[in-house]
Amino acid sequence: MAKYKIYYHKDFIKAYKKISDEERKITDEVIVKLSNDENLEPKYKDHQLKGVLKDFRECHIKSNLVINLSKT
């Protein structure tokens, strides 16, 4: 069972529908790892944001595909 519950923003759902099957598969794998609080591979560049968004993290699936998240 996942440690965290995932809530999807409507903008994410729209963008998710537009990406390729390969990108969806990778995105799904990353989301499962995030929901289980597992470490991501360095290639995903998981990092804490700064300033106003300091409560959020960001990871890069591909150069044009980024996930922003908050573990609360």
C-alpha atoms as a PDB file:
ATOM      1  CA  MET A   1       0.000   0.000   0.000  1.00  0.00           C
ATOM      2  CA  ALA A   2       1.236   3.479  -0.841  1.00  0.00           C
ATOM      3  CA  LYS A   3       2.582   5.667   1.936  1.00  0.00           C
ATOM      4  CA  TYR A   4       1.165   8.827   0.326  1.00  0.00           C
ATOM      5  CA  LYS A   5      -2.115   9.447  -1.491  1.00  0.00           C
ATOM      6  CA  ILE A   6      -1.721  11.085  -4.883  1.00  0.00           C
ATOM      7  CA  TYR A   7      -4.002  13.969  -5.875  1.00  0.00           C
ATOM      8  CA  TYR A   8      -3.889  14.985  -9.528  1.00  0.00           C
ATOM      9  CA  HIS A   9      -4.381  18.596 -10.582  1.00  0.00           C
ATOM     10  CA  LYS A  10      -6.665  19.100 -13.588  1.00  0.00           C
ATOM     11  CA  ASP A  11      -3.725  20.553 -15.549  1.00  0.00           C
ATOM     12  CA  PHE A  12      -1.753  17.365 -14.916  1.00  0.00           C
ATOM     13  CA  ILE A  13      -4.622  15.234 -16.204  1.00  0.00           C
ATOM     14  CA  LYS A  14      -4.837  17.319 -19.394  1.00  0.00           C
ATOM     15  CA  ALA A  15      -1.079  17.125 -19.967  1.00  0.00           C
ATOM     16  CA  TYR A  16      -0.982  13.399 -19.154  1.00  0.00           C
ATOM     17  CA  LYS A  17      -3.509  12.693 -21.909  1.00  0.00           C
ATOM     18  CA  LYS A  18      -1.222  14.379 -24.452  1.00  0.00           C
ATOM     19  CA  ILE A  19       2.016  12.506 -23.733  1.00  0.00           C
ATOM     20  CA  SER A  20       3.144   9.337 -25.490  1.00  0.00           C
ATOM     21  CA  ASP A  21       2.607   5.833 -24.126  1.00  0.00           C
ATOM     22  CA  GLU A  22       6.324   5.594 -23.312  1.00  0.00           C
ATOM     23  CA  GLU A  23       6.198   8.837 -21.316  1.00  0.00           C
ATOM     24  CA  ARG A  24       3.052   7.648 -19.512  1.00  0.00           C
ATOM     25  CA  LYS A  25       4.758   4.416 -18.498  1.00  0.00           C
ATOM     26  CA  ILE A  26       7.773   6.293 -17.108  1.00  0.00           C
ATOM     27  CA  THR A  27       5.526   8.844 -15.384  1.00  0.00           C
ATOM     28  CA  ASP A  28       3.443   6.089 -13.778  1.00  0.00           C
ATOM     29  CA  GLU A  29       6.590   4.355 -12.485  1.00  0.00           C
ATOM     30  CA  VAL A  30       7.892   7.597 -10.973  1.00  0.00           C
ATOM     31  CA  ILE A  31       4.520   8.371  -9.358  1.00  0.00           C
ATOM     32  CA  VAL A  32       4.419   4.908  -7.768  1.00  0.00           C
ATOM     33  CA  LYS A  33       7.931   5.413  -6.375  1.00  0.00           C
ATOM     34  CA  LEU A  34       6.984   8.844  -5.042  1.00  0.00           C
ATOM     35  CA  SER A  35       3.795   7.545  -3.416  1.00  0.00           C
ATOM     36  CA  ASN A  36       5.831   4.805  -1.709  1.00  0.00           C
ATOM     37  CA  ASP A  37       8.443   7.349  -0.552  1.00  0.00           C
ATOM     38  CA  GLU A  38      11.194   5.577  -2.516  1.00  0.00           C
ATOM     39  CA  ASN A  39      14.293   7.358  -3.751  1.00  0.00           C
ATOM     40  CA  LEU A  40      14.317   8.254  -7.421  1.00  0.00           C
ATOM     41  CA  GLU A  41      17.218   7.611  -9.744  1.00  0.00           C
ATOM     42  CA  PRO A  42      19.540  10.638 -10.128  1.00  0.00           C
ATOM     43  CA  LYS A  43      18.473  11.045 -13.775  1.00  0.00           C
ATOM     44  CA  TYR A  44      15.116  12.411 -12.530  1.00  0.00           C
ATOM     45  CA  LYS A  45      16.858  15.345 -10.791  1.00  0.00           C
ATOM     46  CA  ASP A  46      14.578  15.237  -7.743  1.00  0.00           C
ATOM     47  CA  HIS A  47      15.151  18.422  -5.734  1.00  0.00           C
ATOM     48  CA  GLN A  48      13.566  20.780  -3.220  1.00  0.00           C
ATOM     49  CA  LEU A  49      12.319  24.096  -4.598  1.00  0.00           C
ATOM     50  CA  LYS A  50      13.255  27.431  -3.034  1.00  0.00           C
ATOM     51  CA  GLY A  51      11.510  30.646  -2.057  1.00  0.00           C
ATOM     52  CA  VAL A  52       7.718  30.760  -2.129  1.00  0.00           C
ATOM     53  CA  LEU A  53       7.617  27.138  -3.342  1.00  0.00           C
ATOM     54  CA  LYS A  54       9.978  25.798  -0.654  1.00  0.00           C
ATOM     55  CA  ASP A  55       7.346  23.289   0.515  1.00  0.00           C
ATOM     56  CA  PHE A  56       7.408  21.579  -2.882  1.00  0.00           C
ATOM     57  CA  ARG A  57       9.733  19.184  -4.645  1.00  0.00           C
ATOM     58  CA  GLU A  58      10.262  18.812  -8.366  1.00  0.00           C
ATOM     59  CA  CYS A  59      11.480  15.929 -10.494  1.00  0.00           C
ATOM     60  CA  HIS A  60      12.154  15.899 -14.215  1.00  0.00           C
ATOM     61  CA  ILE A  61      10.802  12.918 -16.136  1.00  0.00           C
ATOM     62  CA  LYS A  62      12.013  14.383 -19.429  1.00  0.00           C
ATOM     63  CA  SER A  63      13.159  17.853 -20.376  1.00  0.00           C
ATOM     64  CA  ASN A  64       9.583  18.905 -21.128  1.00  0.00           C
ATOM     65  CA  LEU A  65       7.865  16.759 -18.486  1.00  0.00           C
ATOM     66  CA  VAL A  66       8.159  17.808 -14.834  1.00  0.00           C
ATOM     67  CA  ILE A  67       6.325  16.690 -11.687  1.00  0.00           C
ATOM     68  CA  ASN A  68       5.865  19.144  -8.808  1.00  0.00           C
ATOM     69  CA  LEU A  69       4.839  17.621  -5.514  1.00  0.00           C
ATOM     70  CA  SER A  70       4.313  18.284  -1.859  1.00  0.00           C
ATOM     71  CA  LYS A  71       4.532  15.506   0.714  1.00  0.00           C
ATOM     72  CA  THR A  72       1.882  16.451   3.251  1.00  0.00           C
END
